[in-house]
C-alpha atoms as a PDB file:
ATOM      1  CA  MET A   1      15.936  -7.116 155.438  1.00  0.00           C
ATOM      2  CA  GLN A   2      17.914  -7.285 158.649  1.00  0.00           C
ATOM      3  CA  PRO A   3      21.263  -9.123 158.449  1.00  0.00           C
ATOM      4  CA  LYS A   4      20.234 -11.650 161.164  1.00  0.00           C
ATOM      5  CA  VAL A   5      17.060 -12.540 159.216  1.00  0.00           C
ATOM      6  CA  LEU A   6      19.194 -13.150 156.113  1.00  0.00           C
ATOM      7  CA  LYS A   7      21.538 -15.347 158.150  1.00  0.00           C
ATOM      8  CA  TYR A   8      18.591 -17.497 159.340  1.00  0.00           C
ATOM      9  CA  ILE A   9      17.270 -17.759 155.786  1.00  0.00           C
ATOM     10  CA  LEU A  10      20.686 -18.930 154.592  1.00  0.00           C
ATOM     11  CA  ASP A  11      20.795 -21.432 157.455  1.00  0.00           C
ATOM     12  CA  ILE A  12      17.448 -22.829 156.299  1.00  0.00           C
ATOM     13  CA  GLN A  13      18.665 -23.020 152.726  1.00  0.00           C
ATOM     14  CA  SER A  14      21.803 -24.901 153.806  1.00  0.00           C
ATOM     15  CA  VAL A  15      19.769 -27.390 155.841  1.00  0.00           C
ATOM     16  CA  ILE A  16      17.383 -27.991 152.950  1.00  0.00           C
ATOM     17  CA  GLN A  17      20.395 -28.786 150.713  1.00  0.00           C
ATOM     18  CA  GLU A  18      21.601 -31.239 153.384  1.00  0.00           C
ATOM     19  CA  ILE A  19      18.168 -32.914 153.441  1.00  0.00           C
ATOM     20  CA  GLU A  20      18.289 -33.187 149.627  1.00  0.00           C
ATOM     21  CA  THR A  21      21.679 -34.865 149.905  1.00  0.00           C
ATOM     22  CA  ILE A  22      20.286 -37.400 152.338  1.00  0.00           C
ATOM     23  CA  LYS A  23      17.356 -38.065 149.977  1.00  0.00           C
ATOM     24  CA  THR A  24      19.846 -38.702 147.182  1.00  0.00           C
ATOM     25  CA  LYS A  25      22.005 -40.939 149.410  1.00  0.00           C
ATOM     26  CA  THR A  26      18.963 -43.115 150.157  1.00  0.00           C
ATOM     27  CA  ASN A  27      17.730 -42.984 146.539  1.00  0.00           C
ATOM     28  CA  ASN A  28      14.632 -41.312 147.938  1.00  0.00           C
ATOM     29  CA  ASN A  29      13.691 -44.678 149.455  1.00  0.00           C
ATOM     30  CA  PHE A  30      11.956 -44.503 152.817  1.00  0.00           C
ATOM     31  CA  ASN A  31      12.987 -48.027 153.771  1.00  0.00           C
ATOM     32  CA  SER A  32      16.678 -47.134 153.236  1.00  0.00           C
ATOM     33  CA  PHE A  33      16.190 -44.068 155.359  1.00  0.00           C
ATOM     34  CA  LYS A  34      14.292 -45.983 158.043  1.00  0.00           C
ATOM     35  CA  SER A  35      17.095 -48.522 158.405  1.00  0.00           C
ATOM     36  CA  ASP A  36      19.787 -45.872 159.052  1.00  0.00           C
ATOM     37  CA  ILE A  37      19.504 -44.325 162.504  1.00  0.00           C
ATOM     38  CA  ILE A  38      22.285 -41.818 161.781  1.00  0.00           C
ATOM     39  CA  LEU A  39      20.360 -40.395 158.824  1.00  0.00           C
ATOM     40  CA  GLN A  40      17.204 -40.261 160.917  1.00  0.00           C
ATOM     41  CA  ARG A  41      18.951 -38.281 163.631  1.00  0.00           C
ATOM     42  CA  ALA A  42      20.461 -35.948 161.003  1.00  0.00           C
ATOM     43  CA  ILE A  43      17.014 -35.205 159.583  1.00  0.00           C
ATOM     44  CA  GLU A  44      15.615 -34.665 163.076  1.00  0.00           C
ATOM     45  CA  ARG A  45      18.361 -32.174 163.793  1.00  0.00           C
ATOM     46  CA  ASP A  46      17.830 -30.453 160.433  1.00  0.00           C
ATOM     47  CA  LEU A  47      14.121 -30.050 161.150  1.00  0.00           C
ATOM     48  CA  GLU A  48      14.941 -28.621 164.580  1.00  0.00           C
ATOM     49  CA  ILE A  49      17.301 -26.102 162.940  1.00  0.00           C
ATOM     50  CA  ILE A  50      14.657 -25.022 160.469  1.00  0.00           C
ATOM     51  CA  GLY A  51      12.054 -24.615 163.199  1.00  0.00           C
ATOM     52  CA  GLU A  52      14.385 -22.620 165.395  1.00  0.00           C
ATOM     53  CA  ALA A  53      15.413 -20.386 162.503  1.00  0.00           C
ATOM     54  CA  ILE A  54      11.747 -19.680 161.643  1.00  0.00           C
ATOM     55  CA  ARG A  55      11.060 -18.880 165.314  1.00  0.00           C
ATOM     56  CA  LYS A  56      13.979 -16.463 165.456  1.00  0.00           C
ATOM     57  CA  ILE A  57      13.032 -14.787 162.171  1.00  0.00           C
ATOM     58  CA  LEU A  58       9.525 -14.117 163.464  1.00  0.00           C
ATOM     59  CA  GLU A  59      10.931 -12.945 166.780  1.00  0.00           C
ATOM     60  CA  ILE A  60      13.031 -10.360 164.943  1.00  0.00           C
ATOM     61  CA  ASP A  61      10.306  -9.310 162.526  1.00  0.00           C
ATOM     62  CA  PRO A  62       6.777 -10.632 163.239  1.00  0.00           C
ATOM     63  CA  THR A  63       5.468  -8.959 160.023  1.00  0.00           C
ATOM     64  CA  ILE A  64       7.334 -11.461 157.841  1.00  0.00           C
ATOM     65  CA  LYS A  65       4.835 -13.928 156.346  1.00  0.00           C
ATOM     66  CA  ILE A  66       5.969 -17.562 156.472  1.00  0.00           C
ATOM     67  CA  THR A  67       3.493 -20.170 155.316  1.00  0.00           C
ATOM     68  CA  SER A  68       2.770 -22.746 158.045  1.00  0.00           C
ATOM     69  CA  ALA A  69       5.251 -21.118 160.449  1.00  0.00           C
ATOM     70  CA  LYS A  70       3.239 -22.230 163.450  1.00  0.00           C
ATOM     71  CA  ASN A  71       3.312 -25.864 162.238  1.00  0.00           C
ATOM     72  CA  ILE A  72       7.047 -25.750 161.471  1.00  0.00           C
ATOM     73  CA  ILE A  73       7.845 -24.361 164.912  1.00  0.00           C
ATOM     74  CA  GLY A  74       5.432 -26.890 166.454  1.00  0.00           C
ATOM     75  CA  LEU A  75       7.252 -29.754 164.767  1.00  0.00           C
ATOM     76  CA  ARG A  76      10.549 -28.412 166.105  1.00  0.00           C
ATOM     77  CA  ASN A  77       9.060 -28.351 169.598  1.00  0.00           C
ATOM     78  CA  ILE A  78       7.791 -31.929 169.294  1.00  0.00           C
ATOM     79  CA  ILE A  79      11.193 -33.184 168.110  1.00  0.00           C
ATOM     80  CA  PHE A  80      13.004 -31.184 170.799  1.00  0.00           C
ATOM     81  CA  THR A  81      10.856 -32.541 173.621  1.00  0.00           C
ATOM     82  CA  CYS A  82      11.061 -36.151 172.392  1.00  0.00           C
ATOM     83  CA  LEU A  83      14.855 -36.308 172.334  1.00  0.00           C
END
């Protein structure tokens, strides 16, 4: 595995941990999440980071199989264009 691919995978792992922390902070309650714009923006940014990392991984090595990669990147594009 190329070092850059590993870096992007570690970025994704870090962001997932951040999302888990936010879930814990809100007691996994959507209404708590919905009422906090800062948490919403943090999650939006985290999803952008994941989508961009997936895009870059596939750019480096298109043979890597990532389930739903097209959907993940598409979500990133939607978030990015809406902001």
